[in-house]
Amino acid sequence: MTEALPNFETLLREALAPVEPPADLVERLEDTLTSITEMAADELEAWELTAMRDPRNWARPAAAVVLGGTAGAALVLLRARRQTHSSPTSLDAVRGTAERAVRDIGRETRKLLGNR
């Protein structure tokens, strides 16, 4: 019984070992989020306002708004996170990082919305 414990612990340690993500994961995720955002924008552009009278026609535009907004927000956060290089160690550094993150999020949002 005592011989099984070290094997179990070793197996558990190996199973819970950190795994490095693929090198191109961020780029693939950004490409996917960008394409979802663009598809949602295209869907909303193609939708006609005259169809708004019938609630049965609201599903596709509502889904486009939700999915496009979510993908756009995730893309903004991903780009802002990528531009943050170091982890803050003091309160001033935390404040500076937060201010930079807010500026970056604003810049990325304007970039995604086309400066509207």
Protein backbone atom coordinates (compact mmCIF):
# COMPACT_ATOMS: atom_id res chain seq x y z
CA MET A 1 0.00 0.00 0.00
CA THR A 2 2.82 2.42 0.83
CA GLU A 3 4.57 1.60 -2.46
CA ALA A 4 1.52 2.83 -4.41
CA LEU A 5 1.63 6.32 -2.87
CA PRO A 6 4.89 7.49 -4.45
CA ASN A 7 3.73 6.22 -7.82
CA PHE A 8 0.42 8.01 -7.40
CA GLU A 9 2.14 11.23 -6.36
CA THR A 10 4.56 10.99 -9.26
CA LEU A 11 1.72 10.40 -11.69
CA LEU A 12 -0.23 13.30 -10.24
CA ARG A 13 2.81 15.59 -10.40
CA GLU A 14 3.41 14.62 -14.04
CA ALA A 15 -0.25 15.09 -14.92
CA LEU A 16 -0.36 18.56 -13.38
CA ALA A 17 2.93 19.76 -14.86
CA PRO A 18 2.64 23.08 -16.72
CA VAL A 19 2.30 22.81 -20.49
CA GLU A 20 3.73 25.45 -22.78
CA PRO A 21 1.21 26.70 -25.35
CA PRO A 22 2.15 26.64 -29.03
CA ALA A 23 4.24 29.59 -30.18
CA ASP A 24 1.64 30.78 -32.68
CA LEU A 25 -1.35 30.49 -30.33
CA VAL A 26 -1.74 34.24 -29.84
CA GLU A 27 -1.61 34.93 -33.57
CA ARG A 28 -4.14 32.18 -34.34
CA LEU A 29 -6.47 33.43 -31.61
CA GLU A 30 -6.16 37.01 -32.85
CA ASP A 31 -6.88 35.93 -36.43
CA THR A 32 -9.94 33.97 -35.31
CA LEU A 33 -11.30 36.84 -33.21
CA THR A 34 -10.68 39.29 -36.05
CA SER A 35 -12.55 37.10 -38.53
CA ILE A 36 -15.49 36.67 -36.13
CA THR A 37 -15.65 40.43 -35.59
CA GLU A 38 -15.51 41.09 -39.34
CA MET A 39 -18.21 38.48 -40.08
CA ALA A 40 -20.46 40.03 -37.44
CA ALA A 41 -19.90 43.50 -38.89
CA ASP A 42 -20.67 42.20 -42.39
CA GLU A 43 -23.84 40.55 -41.11
CA LEU A 44 -24.98 43.79 -39.51
CA GLU A 45 -24.16 45.81 -42.63
CA ALA A 46 -26.19 43.43 -44.80
CA TRP A 47 -29.20 43.59 -42.49
CA GLU A 48 -31.95 45.92 -43.60
CA LEU A 49 -33.69 48.20 -41.14
CA THR A 50 -37.06 47.52 -42.78
CA ALA A 51 -36.86 43.95 -41.48
CA MET A 52 -36.80 45.23 -37.90
CA ARG A 53 -40.58 45.37 -37.76
CA ASP A 54 -40.83 41.60 -37.60
CA PRO A 55 -39.30 40.20 -34.37
CA ARG A 56 -38.68 36.85 -36.09
CA ASN A 57 -35.91 38.56 -38.07
CA TRP A 58 -34.06 39.78 -34.97
CA ALA A 59 -32.17 36.55 -34.19
CA ARG A 60 -29.34 36.91 -36.71
CA PRO A 61 -28.58 40.59 -35.99
CA ALA A 62 -28.82 39.98 -32.25
CA ALA A 63 -26.40 37.07 -32.53
CA ALA A 64 -24.09 39.21 -34.67
CA VAL A 65 -24.12 41.97 -32.06
CA VAL A 66 -23.43 39.59 -29.19
CA LEU A 67 -20.76 37.52 -30.96
CA GLY A 68 -19.13 40.50 -32.64
CA GLY A 69 -19.09 42.49 -29.44
CA THR A 70 -17.66 39.63 -27.44
CA ALA A 71 -15.01 38.82 -30.06
CA GLY A 72 -14.15 42.52 -30.40
CA ALA A 73 -13.79 42.97 -26.65
CA ALA A 74 -11.65 39.83 -26.41
CA LEU A 75 -9.50 41.09 -29.27
CA VAL A 76 -9.03 44.46 -27.59
CA LEU A 77 -8.03 42.78 -24.34
CA LEU A 78 -5.70 40.38 -26.13
CA ARG A 79 -3.91 43.20 -27.93
CA ALA A 80 -3.71 45.32 -24.80
CA ARG A 81 -2.37 42.36 -22.84
CA ARG A 82 0.26 41.66 -25.47
CA GLN A 83 1.52 45.23 -25.24
CA THR A 84 1.94 44.98 -21.47
CA HIS A 85 5.44 43.63 -21.07
CA SER A 86 6.22 43.38 -17.38
CA SER A 87 4.32 42.56 -14.22
CA PRO A 88 4.04 45.48 -11.80
CA THR A 89 5.75 45.24 -8.43
CA SER A 90 4.77 48.47 -6.70
CA LEU A 91 1.59 50.51 -6.35
CA ASP A 92 2.88 53.19 -8.75
CA ALA A 93 3.69 50.50 -11.29
CA VAL A 94 0.19 49.05 -10.91
CA ARG A 95 -1.36 52.45 -11.52
CA GLY A 96 0.89 53.06 -14.53
CA THR A 97 0.06 49.68 -15.99
CA ALA A 98 -3.67 50.28 -15.48
CA GLU A 99 -3.45 53.69 -17.16
CA ARG A 100 -1.55 52.21 -20.11
CA ALA A 101 -4.08 49.39 -20.37
CA VAL A 102 -6.99 51.84 -20.48
CA ARG A 103 -5.23 53.90 -23.17
CA ASP A 104 -4.44 50.74 -25.14
CA ILE A 105 -8.01 49.50 -24.88
CA GLY A 106 -9.28 52.85 -26.12
CA ARG A 107 -6.83 52.87 -29.02
CA GLU A 108 -7.65 49.28 -30.01
CA THR A 109 -11.38 49.96 -29.75
CA ARG A 110 -11.05 52.97 -32.05
CA LYS A 111 -8.97 50.86 -34.43
CA LEU A 112 -11.63 48.10 -34.53
CA LEU A 113 -14.51 50.52 -34.91
CA GLY A 114 -12.76 52.46 -37.64
CA ASN A 115 -12.57 55.76 -35.69
CA ARG A 116 -16.36 56.17 -35.73
